[in-house]
Amino acid sequence: MKRALWTGLAWGLALSIGAAQAQQGFSFVALGDLPYGSPDKAYGPYRALIDRINTLDAKFSIHVGDFKSGSTLCSDEEFANQREHFQRFKAAVVYTPGDNEWTDCHRANNGRYNPLERLGALRQVFYTAGRSLGQQPLALQNQSTTMPAHARYIENQRWMHQGVLFATLHIVGSNNNLESRDPAATQEFFERDAANVAWIEAAFEQAHQHKANAVVLAFQADVFEAKSVWEDFPGWSGFRKSVGETLLPLASRWGKPVLVVHGDSHQFKIDQPFQLLKKTLPNVTRLIVPGASDVRAVKVTVQGAAFSFEMVTPDR
């Protein structure tokens, strides 16, 4: 009871301070799909990028997953190496998983791992309830501790900073692991999908309750990978319930700015592709971070409820 009370007071204090500072503005860094390739080729440029990020005035970074390519081993050694990379960040870094870290690990060139075993390992290695990664961890909330019905999902995280609500969602590529030929994968998908829906609903509820200026949602997948000619989120899409039927209607009702940050497709882009009832949602902006061979990140500056973007390269 004392711990729960302390957590509530700390959360409330953070909200109060954030509201007072909201007009001052702040920056954070978004990156993902890095590093890609063998350690001898990929680690050096990635570490140089982290070194560059460490020179910025960003309050924290968000890594949207795929910390390895889809054709490299999902080994414990790789996990340990990537955790060390996260600890090179001088400020906080919040990490949400990608498909390359677990759903695709059954591939021969990934080591023929059991994807669910790798997911369990990810949760043990990279997540600690109540705080992020990085040398100056960020205090945050995890779905595992705030929603007993979804106690498995420690990777779904939430925090407030200067009037902006941030939340990560475990939504990954490879159609979000919706694989009808594998009963275990199908069960995993539906359970995680329900957790993501609940976490999205809770994020907008928190935003309303605390009168946030904006909402930032971060996940790995390019959710349009399963779109059809007629629908962005057809029945076979692993993103229909979480994004099409939950995130977008809630964002529309919220009305204030929403920034969706993801990776997966590796091509830097800022646009407004989301539609509801065939109409573009003008308050929802998408940022796709670069990645793979494009070893850059994006510095996002928030001023009130306005977002601006600047590329970050290792040599700048």
Protein backbone atom coordinates (compact mmCIF):
# COMPACT_ATOMS: atom_id res chain seq x y z
CA MET A 1 0.00 0.00 0.00
CA LYS A 2 2.82 2.45 0.85
CA ARG A 3 4.54 1.74 -2.48
CA ALA A 4 1.28 2.28 -4.38
CA LEU A 5 0.68 5.55 -2.53
CA TRP A 6 4.23 6.75 -3.24
CA THR A 7 3.86 5.89 -6.92
CA GLY A 8 0.61 7.82 -7.14
CA LEU A 9 2.09 10.86 -5.41
CA ALA A 10 5.18 10.78 -7.63
CA TRP A 11 3.03 10.52 -10.75
CA GLY A 12 0.88 13.43 -9.59
CA LEU A 13 3.94 15.54 -8.76
CA ALA A 14 5.41 14.85 -12.18
CA LEU A 15 2.15 15.94 -13.80
CA SER A 16 2.06 19.17 -11.80
CA ILE A 17 5.64 20.03 -12.67
CA GLY A 18 5.03 19.08 -16.30
CA ALA A 19 2.01 21.38 -16.56
CA ALA A 20 4.01 24.30 -15.18
CA GLN A 21 6.86 23.71 -17.64
CA ALA A 22 4.78 22.85 -20.70
CA GLN A 23 5.36 26.17 -22.44
CA GLN A 24 9.13 25.99 -22.05
CA GLY A 25 9.47 23.29 -24.68
CA PHE A 26 11.70 20.21 -24.74
CA SER A 27 13.20 17.70 -27.15
CA PHE A 28 13.42 13.93 -27.38
CA VAL A 29 15.08 11.62 -29.90
CA ALA A 30 13.31 8.90 -31.88
CA LEU A 31 15.23 6.06 -33.53
CA GLY A 32 14.83 2.43 -34.47
CA ASP A 33 15.74 -0.42 -36.83
CA LEU A 34 19.30 -0.02 -35.57
CA PRO A 35 21.86 -1.48 -35.56
CA TYR A 36 21.45 -3.71 -38.63
CA GLY A 37 24.17 -6.14 -39.66
CA SER A 38 27.15 -7.92 -38.20
CA PRO A 39 28.84 -6.36 -35.16
CA ASP A 40 32.02 -5.49 -37.07
CA LYS A 41 30.04 -3.44 -39.61
CA ALA A 42 26.99 -2.18 -37.72
CA TYR A 43 28.09 -1.48 -34.17
CA GLY A 44 30.61 1.30 -34.95
CA PRO A 45 28.21 3.62 -36.82
CA TYR A 46 25.46 2.94 -34.26
CA ARG A 47 27.72 3.81 -31.36
CA ALA A 48 28.76 6.98 -33.18
CA LEU A 49 25.08 7.89 -33.50
CA ILE A 50 24.55 7.31 -29.78
CA ASP A 51 27.60 9.48 -29.06
CA ARG A 52 26.04 12.23 -31.17
CA ILE A 53 22.68 11.87 -29.37
CA ASN A 54 24.54 12.23 -26.08
CA THR A 55 25.66 15.72 -27.13
CA LEU A 56 22.10 16.95 -27.65
CA ASP A 57 19.82 18.57 -25.12
CA ALA A 58 17.21 15.82 -25.55
CA LYS A 59 15.46 14.76 -22.35
CA PHE A 60 15.21 11.10 -23.43
CA SER A 61 15.25 8.82 -26.46
CA ILE A 62 12.71 6.31 -27.72
CA HIS A 63 13.94 3.25 -29.63
CA VAL A 64 11.02 1.78 -31.57
CA GLY A 65 12.43 -1.71 -31.90
CA ASP A 66 14.33 -3.96 -34.29
CA PHE A 67 17.70 -3.62 -32.59
CA LYS A 68 18.98 -6.30 -34.99
CA SER A 69 18.29 -7.20 -38.59
CA GLY A 70 15.98 -10.01 -39.63
CA SER A 71 18.90 -12.18 -40.76
CA THR A 72 21.12 -12.20 -37.66
CA LEU A 73 21.12 -14.41 -34.59
CA CYS A 74 18.63 -13.88 -31.76
CA SER A 75 21.22 -15.02 -29.26
CA ASP A 76 21.65 -14.15 -25.60
CA GLU A 77 24.96 -12.57 -26.61
CA GLU A 78 23.17 -10.27 -29.06
CA PHE A 79 20.63 -9.31 -26.40
CA ALA A 80 23.46 -8.51 -23.97
CA ASN A 81 25.26 -6.41 -26.58
CA GLN A 82 22.14 -4.40 -27.30
CA ARG A 83 21.45 -3.81 -23.64
CA GLU A 84 24.98 -2.43 -23.37
CA HIS A 85 24.19 -0.12 -26.27
CA PHE A 86 21.13 1.20 -24.46
CA GLN A 87 23.27 1.87 -21.43
CA ARG A 88 25.57 4.05 -23.56
CA PHE A 89 22.79 6.65 -23.69
CA LYS A 90 23.65 9.32 -21.10
CA ALA A 91 19.99 10.26 -20.68
CA ALA A 92 17.06 7.85 -20.50
CA VAL A 93 16.09 5.57 -23.38
CA VAL A 94 12.72 3.84 -23.62
CA TYR A 95 12.69 0.71 -25.78
CA THR A 96 9.69 -1.08 -27.29
CA PRO A 97 10.22 -4.44 -29.06
CA GLY A 98 10.29 -5.10 -32.79
CA ASP A 99 9.57 -8.28 -34.70
CA ASN A 100 13.24 -9.01 -35.44
CA GLU A 101 13.93 -9.55 -31.74
CA TRP A 102 11.41 -12.36 -31.32
CA THR A 103 8.68 -13.13 -33.90
CA ASP A 104 11.17 -13.90 -36.67
CA CYS A 105 13.67 -15.76 -34.52
CA HIS A 106 12.43 -19.15 -35.76
CA ARG A 107 14.30 -18.57 -39.02
CA ALA A 108 17.36 -20.70 -39.67
CA ASN A 109 19.61 -17.66 -40.07
CA ASN A 110 18.30 -16.35 -36.74
CA GLY A 111 19.25 -19.56 -34.93
CA ARG A 112 15.90 -21.42 -34.99
CA TYR A 113 14.83 -20.06 -31.62
CA ASN A 114 11.37 -20.40 -30.15
CA PRO A 115 9.83 -16.92 -30.62
CA LEU A 116 7.88 -17.03 -27.36
CA GLU A 117 11.00 -18.02 -25.43
CA ARG A 118 12.84 -15.07 -26.98
CA LEU A 119 9.97 -12.75 -26.04
CA GLY A 120 10.26 -13.93 -22.46
CA ALA A 121 14.00 -13.29 -22.55
CA LEU A 122 13.44 -9.77 -23.89
CA ARG A 123 11.18 -8.97 -20.99
CA GLN A 124 13.73 -10.21 -18.48
CA VAL A 125 16.76 -8.50 -20.02
CA PHE A 126 15.38 -5.13 -21.07
CA TYR A 127 12.60 -4.20 -18.66
CA THR A 128 12.45 -3.18 -15.02
CA ALA A 129 9.14 -2.06 -13.58
CA GLY A 130 9.01 1.66 -12.93
CA ARG A 131 12.06 2.82 -14.87
CA SER A 132 13.56 2.99 -18.32
CA LEU A 133 16.97 2.08 -19.66
CA GLY A 134 19.85 4.54 -20.02
CA GLN A 135 22.31 6.10 -17.59
CA GLN A 136 19.66 8.44 -16.17
CA PRO A 137 16.56 6.22 -16.12
CA LEU A 138 13.17 7.80 -16.57
CA ALA A 139 10.43 7.07 -14.03
CA LEU A 140 7.49 5.53 -15.85
CA GLN A 141 4.49 3.25 -15.48
CA ASN A 142 4.24 -0.26 -16.92
CA GLN A 143 1.06 -2.01 -17.93
CA SER A 144 2.21 -5.04 -15.95
CA THR A 145 1.91 -3.12 -12.67
CA THR A 146 -1.05 -0.86 -13.44
CA MET A 147 -3.34 -3.45 -15.07
CA PRO A 148 -3.33 -6.84 -13.31
CA ALA A 149 -5.37 -8.35 -16.14
CA HIS A 150 -2.39 -7.71 -18.43
CA ALA A 151 0.40 -8.44 -15.97
CA ARG A 152 2.64 -9.97 -18.65
CA TYR A 153 3.11 -6.75 -20.63
CA ILE A 154 5.89 -4.93 -18.81
CA GLU A 155 7.07 -3.61 -22.20
CA ASN A 156 4.00 -1.36 -22.54
CA GLN A 157 5.13 1.84 -20.83
CA ARG A 158 3.70 5.30 -20.12
CA TRP A 159 4.98 8.60 -18.78
CA MET A 160 4.21 12.33 -18.77
CA HIS A 161 6.69 15.06 -19.64
CA GLN A 162 5.82 18.76 -19.59
CA GLY A 163 2.19 18.26 -20.43
CA VAL A 164 2.67 15.55 -23.06
CA LEU A 165 1.61 11.95 -22.48
CA PHE A 166 3.91 9.30 -23.97
CA ALA A 167 3.07 5.61 -24.34
CA THR A 168 4.76 2.67 -26.01
CA LEU A 169 2.77 -0.19 -27.52
CA HIS A 170 3.94 -3.69 -28.37
CA ILE A 171 2.77 -3.60 -32.00
CA VAL A 172 5.26 -5.25 -34.36
CA GLY A 173 5.83 -5.97 -38.01
CA SER A 174 5.23 -9.33 -39.66
CA ASN A 175 1.52 -8.43 -39.38
CA ASN A 176 1.83 -8.14 -35.60
CA ASN A 177 2.52 -11.90 -35.30
CA LEU A 178 -0.99 -12.79 -36.49
CA GLU A 179 -0.05 -16.18 -37.94
CA SER A 180 -3.08 -18.43 -38.44
CA ARG A 181 -0.91 -21.48 -39.26
CA ASP A 182 0.61 -21.44 -35.77
CA PRO A 183 -1.89 -21.82 -32.89
CA ALA A 184 0.64 -20.60 -30.32
CA ALA A 185 1.35 -17.46 -32.36
CA THR A 186 -2.35 -16.83 -32.84
CA GLN A 187 -3.03 -17.09 -29.14
CA GLU A 188 -0.10 -14.81 -28.36
CA PHE A 189 -1.40 -12.25 -30.86
CA PHE A 190 -4.93 -12.08 -29.47
CA GLU A 191 -3.74 -11.76 -25.88
CA ARG A 192 -1.22 -9.03 -26.72
CA ASP A 193 -3.72 -7.28 -28.99
CA ALA A 194 -6.19 -7.07 -26.09
CA ALA A 195 -3.45 -5.65 -23.88
CA ASN A 196 -2.54 -3.04 -26.50
CA VAL A 197 -6.17 -2.00 -26.88
CA ALA A 198 -6.48 -1.56 -23.12
CA TRP A 199 -3.22 0.42 -22.99
CA ILE A 200 -4.33 2.76 -25.80
CA GLU A 201 -7.65 3.36 -24.08
CA ALA A 202 -5.86 4.06 -20.80
CA ALA A 203 -3.44 6.47 -22.50
CA PHE A 204 -6.22 8.66 -23.85
CA GLU A 205 -8.07 8.43 -20.54
CA GLN A 206 -4.92 9.68 -18.77
CA ALA A 207 -4.52 12.42 -21.36
CA HIS A 208 -8.08 13.61 -20.76
CA GLN A 209 -7.79 13.35 -16.99
CA HIS A 210 -4.58 15.37 -16.80
CA LYS A 211 -5.46 17.80 -19.59
CA ALA A 212 -2.42 16.89 -21.63
CA ASN A 213 -1.39 19.12 -24.52
CA ALA A 214 -0.58 16.21 -26.81
CA VAL A 215 -0.16 12.44 -26.97
CA VAL A 216 2.84 10.56 -28.40
CA LEU A 217 2.43 6.85 -29.18
CA ALA A 218 5.45 4.76 -30.19
CA PHE A 219 5.62 1.24 -31.60
CA GLN A 220 7.60 -0.72 -34.18
CA ALA A 221 5.25 -1.71 -37.00
CA ASP A 222 4.36 0.05 -40.20
CA VAL A 223 0.68 -0.74 -39.75
CA PHE A 224 -0.18 -0.28 -43.42
CA GLU A 225 1.76 -3.41 -44.44
CA ALA A 226 -1.46 -5.46 -44.50
CA LYS A 227 -3.70 -2.86 -46.17
CA SER A 228 -5.87 -3.74 -49.15
CA VAL A 229 -7.12 -1.71 -52.10
CA TRP A 230 -10.36 -1.09 -50.22
CA GLU A 231 -9.33 -0.87 -46.56
CA ASP A 232 -6.35 0.28 -44.54
CA PHE A 233 -7.12 -2.36 -41.92
CA PRO A 234 -8.91 -5.34 -43.51
CA GLY A 235 -9.99 -8.39 -41.55
CA TRP A 236 -6.64 -10.14 -41.97
CA SER A 237 -4.68 -7.16 -40.69
CA GLY A 238 -3.02 -7.64 -37.32
CA PHE A 239 -3.53 -3.92 -36.73
CA ARG A 240 -7.29 -3.68 -37.26
CA LYS A 241 -8.42 -3.78 -33.64
CA SER A 242 -5.58 -1.87 -31.99
CA VAL A 243 -5.10 0.87 -34.58
CA GLY A 244 -8.09 0.99 -36.89
CA GLU A 245 -10.81 0.41 -34.29
CA THR A 246 -9.19 1.84 -31.15
CA LEU A 247 -6.32 4.30 -31.66
CA LEU A 248 -7.83 6.27 -34.54
CA PRO A 249 -11.36 6.75 -33.11
CA LEU A 250 -9.91 7.77 -29.74
CA ALA A 251 -7.47 10.17 -31.41
CA SER A 252 -10.33 11.69 -33.36
CA ARG A 253 -12.41 12.23 -30.23
CA TRP A 254 -9.35 13.56 -28.37
CA GLY A 255 -8.95 16.27 -30.97
CA LYS A 256 -5.59 17.58 -29.76
CA PRO A 257 -2.30 16.67 -31.48
CA VAL A 258 -1.27 13.02 -31.60
CA LEU A 259 2.15 11.95 -32.85
CA VAL A 260 2.55 8.31 -33.91
CA VAL A 261 6.21 7.23 -34.07
CA HIS A 262 7.22 3.93 -35.69
CA GLY A 263 9.91 2.24 -37.74
CA ASP A 264 9.81 -1.00 -39.72
CA SER A 265 9.84 0.47 -43.24
CA HIS A 266 13.21 2.23 -42.74
CA GLN A 267 12.33 5.31 -44.81
CA PHE A 268 12.22 8.63 -42.95
CA LYS A 269 8.84 10.26 -43.41
CA ILE A 270 6.54 12.77 -41.74
CA ASP A 271 2.95 12.66 -42.99
CA GLN A 272 -0.72 12.35 -42.06
CA PRO A 273 -1.84 9.05 -43.59
CA PHE A 274 -4.46 7.99 -41.05
CA GLN A 275 -8.10 8.14 -42.01
CA LEU A 276 -11.35 7.53 -40.18
CA LEU A 277 -14.50 7.01 -42.24
CA LYS A 278 -12.43 7.85 -45.35
CA LYS A 279 -11.46 11.26 -43.94
CA THR A 280 -7.93 12.24 -42.97
CA LEU A 281 -7.39 12.85 -39.27
CA PRO A 282 -5.77 16.30 -39.26
CA ASN A 283 -4.63 16.06 -35.63
CA VAL A 284 -2.69 12.80 -36.12
CA THR A 285 0.85 13.04 -37.50
CA ARG A 286 3.09 10.08 -38.28
CA LEU A 287 6.86 9.97 -37.96
CA ILE A 288 8.69 7.03 -39.55
CA VAL A 289 12.26 6.90 -38.27
CA PRO A 290 15.08 5.98 -40.64
CA GLY A 291 16.95 2.74 -40.05
CA ALA A 292 18.80 -0.26 -41.47
CA SER A 293 21.50 1.22 -43.74
CA ASP A 294 20.32 4.75 -42.94
CA VAL A 295 22.02 5.24 -39.57
CA ARG A 296 20.28 8.39 -38.41
CA ALA A 297 17.79 9.42 -35.75
CA VAL A 298 15.20 12.19 -35.42
CA LYS A 299 15.22 14.93 -32.82
CA VAL A 300 11.65 15.94 -32.02
CA THR A 301 11.11 19.31 -30.35
CA VAL A 302 7.82 19.89 -28.55
CA GLN A 303 6.66 23.44 -27.92
CA GLY A 304 3.28 23.41 -26.21
CA ALA A 305 1.35 21.13 -28.54
CA ALA A 306 3.46 21.71 -31.66
CA PHE A 307 6.08 19.28 -32.98
CA SER A 308 9.14 20.06 -35.10
CA PHE A 309 11.70 17.61 -36.46
CA GLU A 310 15.43 17.59 -37.12
CA MET A 311 17.64 14.80 -38.45
CA VAL A 312 20.50 13.56 -36.28
CA THR A 313 23.53 12.03 -37.95
CA PRO A 314 26.63 10.46 -36.38
CA ASP A 315 28.92 13.11 -37.81
CA ARG A 316 26.95 16.21 -36.74
